[in-house]
Amino acid sequence: MRPRFSLVVNGKTVPVSTGDTPGEAVPSVANRDGGAVDHVPRLQTTSRTRPLLGEAVARPGPVPSPLSALKTAKRAGTLLSVTPLGGAVIEVVVTISRALSVLPGQHVEATFPGLEGRLLCPTQRIEGTTELNELVFHLRRDSTLGAAVAAMAAGGVQAEHAVRVRGPAGGSPYRTGRGRLVLVASETGFAPIWAIARAARYQESSREVVVVAGARDAGDLYMRPAFDWLRTTGVQRLVLAASRERLSAADVRPGPITAHLPPLRPDDCVYAAGAPEIVRAVGMLCESAGATCIGIPFLRARSRARRLVAPGPEEAQFGL
């Protein structure tokens, strides 16, 4: 015997069995009460004439949101050290309770004591000796965050200098691929570029890499130890540029960064990080050459979550 169920139609209970169609169930109400049924349930048209009662109907699941990529892990951290790198740039090292999986070019949200959370790109120590439980950031000492962090460390790092970290939080992570890898950094935008360059030398040692780093003042070009490491791994084209000073060190070229990019090719993959005008200018050069350009934005707050998915050019800045 087929299992029996009950339906309520116009306030009347109708006994039905699995396999009955609505046309078979609804007339039973009219025949039993001698009247017409006011409402006949409408069924969605399918490939069959009518679906059977009791059968499950598959419904499409919700479309995944691109913001699902923003799910993050939390870590407790402590300010370990603040080290001058050159000019107005400092290197900030935070130890965390356990390692956090962050791809080169991605952001984390770091909240220092008494300050709002800021989205920063972790990088390597400038000489490349970062531990697994360390997060390294490059900040300008004359920025709000950099000045506050430097003041914390001025009297010696203390236990109460706790740092909360969440991540990863979007960004433009490095991916392996074909074609030449051109890395362009403006000032502390070198932080994600340095992380990408090291990853590329380990994962794609035969891939051609070009690195161009610049600043307004030659004194802020703190990248030389990193350039030394890249040179030993086979990177042949490493360029330092300063736009403000005409008379500077022998290894620094005068003029804007964009003046020292190599002629771009359609198969180039270009990562650009730094001041918004630099990122926009590099993007325009890539567009005219047919090359791929990936901008890595600075984002002040995680509340701008949608910009993590598709950041606008006005967000592409570092060192604030």
C-alpha atoms as a PDB file:
ATOM      1  CA  MET A   1       0.000   0.000   0.000  1.00  0.00           C
ATOM      2  CA  ARG A   2       1.335   3.453  -0.877  1.00  0.00           C
ATOM      3  CA  PRO A   3       2.070   5.810   2.045  1.00  0.00           C
ATOM      4  CA  ARG A   4      -0.700   8.301   2.683  1.00  0.00           C
ATOM      5  CA  PHE A   5      -0.442  11.997   3.518  1.00  0.00           C
ATOM      6  CA  SER A   6      -2.801  14.899   4.138  1.00  0.00           C
ATOM      7  CA  LEU A   7      -3.160  18.206   2.296  1.00  0.00           C
ATOM      8  CA  VAL A   8      -5.232  21.213   3.395  1.00  0.00           C
ATOM      9  CA  VAL A   9      -7.079  22.865   0.474  1.00  0.00           C
ATOM     10  CA  ASN A  10      -9.619  25.644   1.190  1.00  0.00           C
ATOM     11  CA  GLY A  11      -9.569  24.647   4.845  1.00  0.00           C
ATOM     12  CA  LYS A  12     -10.402  21.005   4.004  1.00  0.00           C
ATOM     13  CA  THR A  13      -8.149  18.070   4.796  1.00  0.00           C
ATOM     14  CA  VAL A  14      -7.547  15.875   1.750  1.00  0.00           C
ATOM     15  CA  PRO A  15      -6.049  12.389   2.100  1.00  0.00           C
ATOM     16  CA  VAL A  16      -3.560  11.674  -0.706  1.00  0.00           C
ATOM     17  CA  SER A  17      -0.984   9.035  -1.475  1.00  0.00           C
ATOM     18  CA  THR A  18       2.498   9.241  -2.934  1.00  0.00           C
ATOM     19  CA  GLY A  19       2.071   9.166  -6.690  1.00  0.00           C
ATOM     20  CA  ASP A  20      -1.229  11.071  -6.784  1.00  0.00           C
ATOM     21  CA  THR A  21      -1.295  14.104  -9.047  1.00  0.00           C
ATOM     22  CA  PRO A  22      -2.909  17.406  -7.924  1.00  0.00           C
ATOM     23  CA  GLY A  23      -5.692  16.743 -10.412  1.00  0.00           C
ATOM     24  CA  GLU A  24      -6.506  13.524  -8.612  1.00  0.00           C
ATOM     25  CA  ALA A  25      -6.306  15.069  -5.152  1.00  0.00           C
ATOM     26  CA  VAL A  26      -8.238  18.315  -5.676  1.00  0.00           C
ATOM     27  CA  PRO A  27     -11.448  16.783  -7.179  1.00  0.00           C
ATOM     28  CA  SER A  28     -11.840  14.701  -4.037  1.00  0.00           C
ATOM     29  CA  VAL A  29     -12.595  17.925  -2.180  1.00  0.00           C
ATOM     30  CA  ALA A  30     -15.231  18.974  -4.707  1.00  0.00           C
ATOM     31  CA  ASN A  31     -16.822  15.531  -4.836  1.00  0.00           C
ATOM     32  CA  ARG A  32     -16.924  15.186  -1.109  1.00  0.00           C
ATOM     33  CA  ASP A  33     -18.371  18.663  -0.413  1.00  0.00           C
ATOM     34  CA  GLY A  34     -20.426  19.040  -3.585  1.00  0.00           C
ATOM     35  CA  GLY A  35     -18.818  22.353  -4.451  1.00  0.00           C
ATOM     36  CA  ALA A  36     -16.070  23.811  -6.549  1.00  0.00           C
ATOM     37  CA  VAL A  37     -12.577  24.381  -5.413  1.00  0.00           C
ATOM     38  CA  ASP A  38     -11.695  28.070  -5.199  1.00  0.00           C
ATOM     39  CA  HIS A  39      -7.973  27.602  -5.672  1.00  0.00           C
ATOM     40  CA  VAL A  40      -6.026  24.998  -7.601  1.00  0.00           C
ATOM     41  CA  PRO A  41      -2.311  24.934  -6.743  1.00  0.00           C
ATOM     42  CA  ARG A  42      -0.156  25.805  -9.738  1.00  0.00           C
ATOM     43  CA  LEU A  43       2.862  23.625 -10.369  1.00  0.00           C
ATOM     44  CA  GLN A  44       6.021  24.652 -12.189  1.00  0.00           C
ATOM     45  CA  THR A  45       6.177  23.196 -15.680  1.00  0.00           C
ATOM     46  CA  THR A  46       8.772  20.465 -16.028  1.00  0.00           C
ATOM     47  CA  SER A  47       9.795  18.035 -18.713  1.00  0.00           C
ATOM     48  CA  ARG A  48       7.064  15.694 -17.493  1.00  0.00           C
ATOM     49  CA  THR A  49       3.390  16.545 -17.712  1.00  0.00           C
ATOM     50  CA  ARG A  50       3.051  16.916 -13.929  1.00  0.00           C
ATOM     51  CA  PRO A  51       5.359  16.067 -11.062  1.00  0.00           C
ATOM     52  CA  LEU A  52       4.146  13.537  -8.541  1.00  0.00           C
ATOM     53  CA  LEU A  53       3.332  14.600  -4.992  1.00  0.00           C
ATOM     54  CA  GLY A  54       5.962  13.604  -2.494  1.00  0.00           C
ATOM     55  CA  GLU A  55       8.834  13.947  -4.951  1.00  0.00           C
ATOM     56  CA  ALA A  56      11.698  16.256  -4.027  1.00  0.00           C
ATOM     57  CA  VAL A  57      12.226  19.252  -6.291  1.00  0.00           C
ATOM     58  CA  ALA A  58      15.842  20.326  -6.772  1.00  0.00           C
ATOM     59  CA  ARG A  59      16.356  24.046  -6.282  1.00  0.00           C
ATOM     60  CA  PRO A  60      19.456  25.916  -7.391  1.00  0.00           C
ATOM     61  CA  GLY A  61      21.682  27.054  -4.545  1.00  0.00           C
ATOM     62  CA  PRO A  62      22.524  30.705  -3.922  1.00  0.00           C
ATOM     63  CA  VAL A  63      25.101  32.267  -6.197  1.00  0.00           C
ATOM     64  CA  PRO A  64      28.359  32.608  -4.229  1.00  0.00           C
ATOM     65  CA  SER A  65      29.308  36.180  -3.489  1.00  0.00           C
ATOM     66  CA  PRO A  66      32.791  37.401  -4.417  1.00  0.00           C
ATOM     67  CA  LEU A  67      32.994  38.674  -0.851  1.00  0.00           C
ATOM     68  CA  SER A  68      33.181  35.062   0.325  1.00  0.00           C
ATOM     69  CA  ALA A  69      36.897  35.370  -0.405  1.00  0.00           C
ATOM     70  CA  LEU A  70      37.143  37.765   2.521  1.00  0.00           C
ATOM     71  CA  LYS A  71      36.751  35.067   5.174  1.00  0.00           C
ATOM     72  CA  THR A  72      39.714  35.485   7.468  1.00  0.00           C
ATOM     73  CA  ALA A  73      41.520  33.927  10.374  1.00  0.00           C
ATOM     74  CA  LYS A  74      42.418  35.794  13.560  1.00  0.00           C
ATOM     75  CA  ARG A  75      45.780  35.846  15.279  1.00  0.00           C
ATOM     76  CA  ALA A  76      47.084  37.459  18.451  1.00  0.00           C
ATOM     77  CA  GLY A  77      50.384  39.226  17.992  1.00  0.00           C
ATOM     78  CA  THR A  78      53.007  41.326  19.722  1.00  0.00           C
ATOM     79  CA  LEU A  79      55.108  44.175  18.405  1.00  0.00           C
ATOM     80  CA  LEU A  80      58.620  42.725  18.190  1.00  0.00           C
ATOM     81  CA  SER A  81      60.777  45.442  16.641  1.00  0.00           C
ATOM     82  CA  VAL A  82      60.840  48.695  14.706  1.00  0.00           C
ATOM     83  CA  THR A  83      63.941  49.223  12.555  1.00  0.00           C
ATOM     84  CA  PRO A  84      64.841  52.214  10.351  1.00  0.00           C
ATOM     85  CA  LEU A  85      65.442  51.131   6.770  1.00  0.00           C
ATOM     86  CA  GLY A  86      66.465  54.439   5.220  1.00  0.00           C
ATOM     87  CA  GLY A  87      65.043  57.898   4.859  1.00  0.00           C
ATOM     88  CA  ALA A  88      61.537  57.998   6.329  1.00  0.00           C
ATOM     89  CA  VAL A  89      60.866  54.242   6.044  1.00  0.00           C
ATOM     90  CA  ILE A  90      60.748  51.840   8.983  1.00  0.00           C
ATOM     91  CA  GLU A  91      60.433  48.062   9.149  1.00  0.00           C
ATOM     92  CA  VAL A  92      57.854  46.830  11.678  1.00  0.00           C
ATOM     93  CA  VAL A  93      57.946  43.186  12.784  1.00  0.00           C
ATOM     94  CA  VAL A  94      55.015  41.571  14.602  1.00  0.00           C
ATOM     95  CA  THR A  95      55.158  38.064  16.055  1.00  0.00           C
ATOM     96  CA  ILE A  96      51.878  36.134  15.926  1.00  0.00           C
ATOM     97  CA  SER A  97      50.600  33.176  17.936  1.00  0.00           C
ATOM     98  CA  ARG A  98      50.873  30.832  14.954  1.00  0.00           C
ATOM     99  CA  ALA A  99      51.617  31.125  11.266  1.00  0.00           C
ATOM    100  CA  LEU A 100      49.032  32.782   9.028  1.00  0.00           C
ATOM    101  CA  SER A 101      48.611  31.742   5.408  1.00  0.00           C
ATOM    102  CA  VAL A 102      48.940  34.947   3.370  1.00  0.00           C
ATOM    103  CA  LEU A 103      49.953  34.952  -0.288  1.00  0.00           C
ATOM    104  CA  PRO A 104      52.446  37.548  -1.550  1.00  0.00           C
ATOM    105  CA  GLY A 105      50.457  40.634  -2.529  1.00  0.00           C
ATOM    106  CA  GLN A 106      47.571  40.035  -0.121  1.00  0.00           C
ATOM    107  CA  HIS A 107      46.565  42.243   2.800  1.00  0.00           C
ATOM    108  CA  VAL A 108      46.002  41.602   6.482  1.00  0.00           C
ATOM    109  CA  GLU A 109      44.238  43.863   8.935  1.00  0.00           C
ATOM    110  CA  ALA A 110      46.575  44.838  11.765  1.00  0.00           C
ATOM    111  CA  THR A 111      45.255  46.671  14.827  1.00  0.00           C
ATOM    112  CA  PHE A 112      47.924  48.237  17.027  1.00  0.00           C
ATOM    113  CA  PRO A 113      47.157  49.391  20.611  1.00  0.00           C
ATOM    114  CA  GLY A 114      45.009  52.510  20.679  1.00  0.00           C
ATOM    115  CA  LEU A 115      44.743  52.696  16.878  1.00  0.00           C
ATOM    116  CA  GLU A 116      42.181  51.710  14.294  1.00  0.00           C
ATOM    117  CA  GLY A 117      42.800  48.608  12.228  1.00  0.00           C
ATOM    118  CA  ARG A 118      44.732  49.158   9.011  1.00  0.00           C
ATOM    119  CA  LEU A 119      45.067  46.917   5.980  1.00  0.00           C
ATOM    120  CA  LEU A 120      48.724  46.277   5.231  1.00  0.00           C
ATOM    121  CA  CYS A 121      50.656  43.985   2.911  1.00  0.00           C
ATOM    122  CA  PRO A 122      52.994  41.624   4.790  1.00  0.00           C
ATOM    123  CA  THR A 123      56.429  41.229   3.282  1.00  0.00           C
ATOM    124  CA  GLN A 124      59.845  39.785   4.076  1.00  0.00           C
ATOM    125  CA  ARG A 125      62.515  41.364   6.229  1.00  0.00           C
ATOM    126  CA  ILE A 126      64.626  43.483   3.953  1.00  0.00           C
ATOM    127  CA  GLU A 127      67.413  40.882   4.001  1.00  0.00           C
ATOM    128  CA  GLY A 128      64.904  38.004   3.649  1.00  0.00           C
ATOM    129  CA  THR A 129      65.241  36.220   7.007  1.00  0.00           C
ATOM    130  CA  THR A 130      61.585  36.301   8.094  1.00  0.00           C
ATOM    131  CA  GLU A 131      60.315  33.564  10.439  1.00  0.00           C
ATOM    132  CA  LEU A 132      57.036  31.695   9.874  1.00  0.00           C
ATOM    133  CA  ASN A 133      55.380  33.335  12.894  1.00  0.00           C
ATOM    134  CA  GLU A 134      56.375  36.861  11.899  1.00  0.00           C
ATOM    135  CA  LEU A 135      54.577  39.518   9.894  1.00  0.00           C
ATOM    136  CA  VAL A 136      56.731  42.286   8.469  1.00  0.00           C
ATOM    137  CA  PHE A 137      55.403  45.676   7.338  1.00  0.00           C
ATOM    138  CA  HIS A 138      57.051  48.694   5.709  1.00  0.00           C
ATOM    139  CA  LEU A 139      55.726  52.037   6.953  1.00  0.00           C
ATOM    140  CA  ARG A 140      56.697  55.651   6.577  1.00  0.00           C
ATOM    141  CA  ARG A 141      57.755  57.211   9.857  1.00  0.00           C
ATOM    142  CA  ASP A 142      55.991  60.462   8.926  1.00  0.00           C
ATOM    143  CA  SER A 143      52.632  58.716   8.435  1.00  0.00           C
ATOM    144  CA  THR A 144      50.034  58.549  11.209  1.00  0.00           C
ATOM    145  CA  LEU A 145      50.444  54.810  11.727  1.00  0.00           C
ATOM    146  CA  GLY A 146      54.207  54.807  11.327  1.00  0.00           C
ATOM    147  CA  ALA A 147      54.680  57.631  13.822  1.00  0.00           C
ATOM    148  CA  ALA A 148      52.457  55.912  16.402  1.00  0.00           C
ATOM    149  CA  VAL A 149      54.203  52.560  16.042  1.00  0.00           C
ATOM    150  CA  ALA A 150      57.639  54.180  16.218  1.00  0.00           C
ATOM    151  CA  ALA A 151      56.591  55.977  19.426  1.00  0.00           C
ATOM    152  CA  MET A 152      55.499  52.662  20.956  1.00  0.00           C
ATOM    153  CA  ALA A 153      58.927  51.178  20.349  1.00  0.00           C
ATOM    154  CA  ALA A 154      60.861  54.290  21.405  1.00  0.00           C
ATOM    155  CA  GLY A 155      60.900  53.282  25.070  1.00  0.00           C
ATOM    156  CA  GLY A 156      61.482  49.587  24.327  1.00  0.00           C
ATOM    157  CA  VAL A 157      59.001  46.984  23.161  1.00  0.00           C
ATOM    158  CA  GLN A 158      56.744  45.928  26.014  1.00  0.00           C
ATOM    159  CA  ALA A 159      54.278  43.097  26.582  1.00  0.00           C
ATOM    160  CA  GLU A 160      51.298  45.439  26.430  1.00  0.00           C
ATOM    161  CA  HIS A 161      52.090  46.239  22.824  1.00  0.00           C
ATOM    162  CA  ALA A 162      49.646  43.590  21.663  1.00  0.00           C
ATOM    163  CA  VAL A 163      48.583  43.530  18.024  1.00  0.00           C
ATOM    164  CA  ARG A 164      45.447  41.925  16.624  1.00  0.00           C
ATOM    165  CA  VAL A 165      45.719  40.486  13.131  1.00  0.00           C
ATOM    166  CA  ARG A 166      43.053  39.245  10.722  1.00  0.00           C
ATOM    167  CA  GLY A 167      43.753  37.928   7.281  1.00  0.00           C
ATOM    168  CA  PRO A 168      44.132  37.380   4.494  1.00  0.00           C
ATOM    169  CA  ALA A 169      41.889  40.235   3.360  1.00  0.00           C
ATOM    170  CA  GLY A 170      41.806  40.342  -0.401  1.00  0.00           C
ATOM    171  CA  GLY A 171      44.449  42.094  -2.423  1.00  0.00           C
ATOM    172  CA  SER A 172      46.157  40.905  -5.599  1.00  0.00           C
ATOM    173  CA  PRO A 173      48.074  37.715  -4.814  1.00  0.00           C
ATOM    174  CA  TYR A 174      50.988  36.570  -6.916  1.00  0.00           C
ATOM    175  CA  ARG A 175      50.301  33.717  -9.344  1.00  0.00           C
ATOM    176  CA  THR A 176      52.750  31.729 -11.405  1.00  0.00           C
ATOM    177  CA  GLY A 177      52.451  32.106 -15.152  1.00  0.00           C
ATOM    178  CA  ARG A 178      54.168  32.632 -18.454  1.00  0.00           C
ATOM    179  CA  GLY A 179      55.887  35.639 -19.908  1.00  0.00           C
ATOM    180  CA  ARG A 180      58.170  38.159 -18.302  1.00  0.00           C
ATOM    181  CA  LEU A 181      57.367  39.332 -14.755  1.00  0.00           C
ATOM    182  CA  VAL A 182      57.732  43.112 -14.380  1.00  0.00           C
ATOM    183  CA  LEU A 183      57.505  44.393 -10.799  1.00  0.00           C
ATOM    184  CA  VAL A 184      57.044  48.130 -10.209  1.00  0.00           C
ATOM    185  CA  ALA A 185      57.159  49.681  -6.737  1.00  0.00           C
ATOM    186  CA  SER A 186      56.744  53.228  -5.499  1.00  0.00           C
ATOM    187  CA  GLU A 187      58.188  53.908  -2.019  1.00  0.00           C
ATOM    188  CA  THR A 188      56.664  51.503   0.578  1.00  0.00           C
ATOM    189  CA  GLY A 189      54.764  49.806  -2.227  1.00  0.00           C
ATOM    190  CA  PHE A 190      57.984  47.794  -2.355  1.00  0.00           C
ATOM    191  CA  ALA A 191      56.625  45.696   0.533  1.00  0.00           C
ATOM    192  CA  PRO A 192      54.322  43.479  -1.590  1.00  0.00           C
ATOM    193  CA  ILE A 193      56.702  43.688  -4.567  1.00  0.00           C
ATOM    194  CA  TRP A 194      59.544  42.295  -2.445  1.00  0.00           C
ATOM    195  CA  ALA A 195      57.322  39.432  -1.274  1.00  0.00           C
ATOM    196  CA  ILE A 196      56.284  38.654  -4.857  1.00  0.00           C
ATOM    197  CA  ALA A 197      59.857  38.841  -6.150  1.00  0.00           C
ATOM    198  CA  ARG A 198      61.130  36.348  -3.566  1.00  0.00           C
ATOM    199  CA  ALA A 199      58.255  33.962  -4.237  1.00  0.00           C
ATOM    200  CA  ALA A 200      58.894  34.151  -7.975  1.00  0.00           C
ATOM    201  CA  ARG A 201      62.586  33.329  -7.579  1.00  0.00           C
ATOM    202  CA  TYR A 202      61.737  30.246  -5.532  1.00  0.00           C
ATOM    203  CA  GLN A 203      58.786  29.042  -7.607  1.00  0.00           C
ATOM    204  CA  GLU A 204      59.819  30.172 -11.107  1.00  0.00           C
ATOM    205  CA  SER A 205      63.584  30.441 -11.069  1.00  0.00           C
ATOM    206  CA  SER A 206      63.808  30.369 -14.875  1.00  0.00           C
ATOM    207  CA  ARG A 207      61.256  33.150 -15.409  1.00  0.00           C
ATOM    208  CA  GLU A 208      62.621  36.521 -16.491  1.00  0.00           C
ATOM    209  CA  VAL A 209      62.070  39.154 -13.801  1.00  0.00           C
ATOM    210  CA  VAL A 210      62.477  42.933 -13.956  1.00  0.00           C
ATOM    211  CA  VAL A 211      62.174  45.083 -10.817  1.00  0.00           C
ATOM    212  CA  VAL A 212      61.849  48.883 -10.928  1.00  0.00           C
ATOM    213  CA  ALA A 213      61.595  50.695  -7.583  1.00  0.00           C
ATOM    214  CA  GLY A 214      61.401  54.421  -7.034  1.00  0.00           C
ATOM    215  CA  ALA A 215      60.728  57.244  -4.602  1.00  0.00           C
ATOM    216  CA  ARG A 216      60.514  60.998  -4.641  1.00  0.00           C
ATOM    217  CA  ASP A 217      63.733  61.344  -2.588  1.00  0.00           C
ATOM    218  CA  ALA A 218      66.746  59.119  -3.178  1.00  0.00           C
ATOM    219  CA  GLY A 219      67.159  58.755   0.588  1.00  0.00           C
ATOM    220  CA  ASP A 220      63.931  56.747   0.737  1.00  0.00           C
ATOM    221  CA  LEU A 221      65.292  54.041  -1.580  1.00  0.00           C
ATOM    222  CA  TYR A 222      65.768  51.400   1.094  1.00  0.00           C
ATOM    223  CA  MET A 223      65.622  48.411  -1.283  1.00  0.00           C
ATOM    224  CA  ARG A 224      69.346  47.800  -1.833  1.00  0.00           C
ATOM    225  CA  PRO A 225      69.689  44.733   0.484  1.00  0.00           C
ATOM    226  CA  ALA A 226      66.709  43.146  -1.280  1.00  0.00           C
ATOM    227  CA  PHE A 227      68.207  44.008  -4.660  1.00  0.00           C
ATOM    228  CA  ASP A 228      71.461  42.327  -3.609  1.00  0.00           C
ATOM    229  CA  TRP A 229      69.593  39.090  -2.878  1.00  0.00           C
ATOM    230  CA  LEU A 230      67.686  39.244  -6.167  1.00  0.00           C
ATOM    231  CA  ARG A 231      70.926  39.857  -8.055  1.00  0.00           C
ATOM    232  CA  THR A 232      72.464  36.704  -6.573  1.00  0.00           C
ATOM    233  CA  THR A 233      69.461  34.671  -7.765  1.00  0.00           C
ATOM    234  CA  GLY A 234      69.914  35.766 -11.375  1.00  0.00           C
ATOM    235  CA  VAL A 235      67.731  38.873 -11.726  1.00  0.00           C
ATOM    236  CA  GLN A 236      69.645  41.053 -14.163  1.00  0.00           C
ATOM    237  CA  ARG A 237      67.499  44.169 -14.477  1.00  0.00           C
ATOM    238  CA  LEU A 238      67.109  45.995 -11.160  1.00  0.00           C
ATOM    239  CA  VAL A 239      66.417  49.731 -11.358  1.00  0.00           C
ATOM    240  CA  LEU A 240      66.313  52.433  -8.658  1.00  0.00           C
ATOM    241  CA  ALA A 241      64.814  55.803  -9.565  1.00  0.00           C
ATOM    242  CA  ALA A 242      64.243  59.109  -7.754  1.00  0.00           C
ATOM    243  CA  SER A 243      61.977  61.749  -9.267  1.00  0.00           C
ATOM    244  CA  ARG A 244      62.870  64.726  -7.084  1.00  0.00           C
ATOM    245  CA  GLU A 245      66.675  64.751  -6.907  1.00  0.00           C
ATOM    246  CA  ARG A 246      68.852  65.163  -9.964  1.00  0.00           C
ATOM    247  CA  LEU A 247      72.162  64.611  -8.199  1.00  0.00           C
ATOM    248  CA  SER A 248      72.025  61.394  -6.194  1.00  0.00           C
ATOM    249  CA  ALA A 249      73.823  58.082  -5.784  1.00  0.00           C
ATOM    250  CA  ALA A 250      75.489  56.539  -8.802  1.00  0.00           C
ATOM    251  CA  ASP A 251      73.043  53.612  -8.849  1.00  0.00           C
ATOM    252  CA  VAL A 252      69.941  55.857  -8.820  1.00  0.00           C
ATOM    253  CA  ARG A 253      68.438  57.049 -12.082  1.00  0.00           C
ATOM    254  CA  PRO A 254      66.749  60.468 -12.167  1.00  0.00           C
ATOM    255  CA  GLY A 255      63.145  60.898 -13.182  1.00  0.00           C
ATOM    256  CA  PRO A 256      59.822  59.118 -12.594  1.00  0.00           C
ATOM    257  CA  ILE A 257      59.498  55.357 -12.367  1.00  0.00           C
ATOM    258  CA  THR A 258      57.553  55.110 -15.597  1.00  0.00           C
ATOM    259  CA  ALA A 259      60.519  56.555 -17.517  1.00  0.00           C
ATOM    260  CA  HIS A 260      62.610  53.535 -16.567  1.00  0.00           C
ATOM    261  CA  LEU A 261      60.261  50.685 -17.368  1.00  0.00           C
ATOM    262  CA  PRO A 262      61.460  48.325 -20.084  1.00  0.00           C
ATOM    263  CA  PRO A 263      59.550  48.322 -23.389  1.00  0.00           C
ATOM    264  CA  LEU A 264      56.477  46.302 -22.487  1.00  0.00           C
ATOM    265  CA  ARG A 265      55.405  43.211 -24.411  1.00  0.00           C
ATOM    266  CA  PRO A 266      51.911  41.756 -24.836  1.00  0.00           C
ATOM    267  CA  ASP A 267      52.872  38.660 -22.824  1.00  0.00           C
ATOM    268  CA  ASP A 268      54.283  40.641 -19.864  1.00  0.00           C
ATOM    269  CA  CYS A 269      52.660  40.357 -16.446  1.00  0.00           C
ATOM    270  CA  VAL A 270      53.129  43.641 -14.565  1.00  0.00           C
ATOM    271  CA  TYR A 271      52.518  44.140 -10.829  1.00  0.00           C
ATOM    272  CA  ALA A 272      52.384  47.785  -9.721  1.00  0.00           C
ATOM    273  CA  ALA A 273      52.213  48.989  -6.113  1.00  0.00           C
ATOM    274  CA  GLY A 274      52.575  52.444  -4.644  1.00  0.00           C
ATOM    275  CA  ALA A 275      51.280  55.952  -5.150  1.00  0.00           C
ATOM    276  CA  PRO A 276      47.964  56.122  -7.053  1.00  0.00           C
ATOM    277  CA  GLU A 277      49.374  58.216  -9.887  1.00  0.00           C
ATOM    278  CA  ILE A 278      52.151  55.667 -10.421  1.00  0.00           C
ATOM    279  CA  VAL A 279      49.746  52.736 -10.489  1.00  0.00           C
ATOM    280  CA  ARG A 280      47.479  54.537 -12.953  1.00  0.00           C
ATOM    281  CA  ALA A 281      50.395  55.513 -15.197  1.00  0.00           C
ATOM    282  CA  VAL A 282      51.734  51.967 -15.258  1.00  0.00           C
ATOM    283  CA  GLY A 283      48.255  50.670 -16.054  1.00  0.00           C
ATOM    284  CA  MET A 284      47.986  53.025 -19.026  1.00  0.00           C
ATOM    285  CA  LEU A 285      51.349  51.892 -20.371  1.00  0.00           C
ATOM    286  CA  CYS A 286      50.298  48.260 -20.016  1.00  0.00           C
ATOM    287  CA  GLU A 287      47.020  48.940 -21.803  1.00  0.00           C
ATOM    288  CA  SER A 288      48.761  50.546 -24.764  1.00  0.00           C
ATOM    289  CA  ALA A 289      51.177  47.599 -24.999  1.00  0.00           C
ATOM    290  CA  GLY A 290      48.543  44.906 -24.461  1.00  0.00           C
ATOM    291  CA  ALA A 291      50.292  43.691 -21.304  1.00  0.00           C
ATOM    292  CA  THR A 292      48.554  42.445 -18.161  1.00  0.00           C
ATOM    293  CA  CYS A 293      48.673  44.918 -15.265  1.00  0.00           C
ATOM    294  CA  ILE A 294      47.823  44.005 -11.672  1.00  0.00           C
ATOM    295  CA  GLY A 295      47.588  46.875  -9.193  1.00  0.00           C
ATOM    296  CA  ILE A 296      48.003  46.182  -5.480  1.00  0.00           C
ATOM    297  CA  PRO A 297      45.981  48.754  -3.546  1.00  0.00           C
ATOM    298  CA  PHE A 298      46.465  50.229  -0.131  1.00  0.00           C
ATOM    299  CA  LEU A 299      43.164  50.061   1.751  1.00  0.00           C
ATOM    300  CA  ARG A 300      42.633  52.075   4.906  1.00  0.00           C
ATOM    301  CA  ALA A 301      39.868  50.024   6.503  1.00  0.00           C
ATOM    302  CA  ARG A 302      38.283  46.630   6.135  1.00  0.00           C
ATOM    303  CA  SER A 303      34.862  48.292   6.133  1.00  0.00           C
ATOM    304  CA  ARG A 304      35.421  48.980   2.420  1.00  0.00           C
ATOM    305  CA  ALA A 305      34.980  45.270   1.791  1.00  0.00           C
ATOM    306  CA  ARG A 306      33.663  45.568  -1.734  1.00  0.00           C
ATOM    307  CA  ARG A 307      36.735  47.494  -2.797  1.00  0.00           C
ATOM    308  CA  LEU A 308      38.811  44.466  -1.777  1.00  0.00           C
ATOM    309  CA  VAL A 309      37.182  42.594  -4.645  1.00  0.00           C
ATOM    310  CA  ALA A 310      37.514  45.362  -7.237  1.00  0.00           C
ATOM    311  CA  PRO A 311      39.561  48.212  -5.757  1.00  0.00           C
ATOM    312  CA  GLY A 312      39.372  51.530  -7.512  1.00  0.00           C
ATOM    313  CA  PRO A 313      42.481  53.418  -8.603  1.00  0.00           C
ATOM    314  CA  GLU A 314      42.015  55.969  -5.854  1.00  0.00           C
ATOM    315  CA  GLU A 315      42.786  53.227  -3.329  1.00  0.00           C
ATOM    316  CA  ALA A 316      46.168  52.329  -4.823  1.00  0.00           C
ATOM    317  CA  GLN A 317      48.515  53.999  -2.388  1.00  0.00           C
ATOM    318  CA  PHE A 318      50.928  52.945   0.307  1.00  0.00           C
ATOM    319  CA  GLY A 319      52.587  54.437   3.307  1.00  0.00           C
ATOM    320  CA  LEU A 320      49.610  56.365   4.706  1.00  0.00           C
END
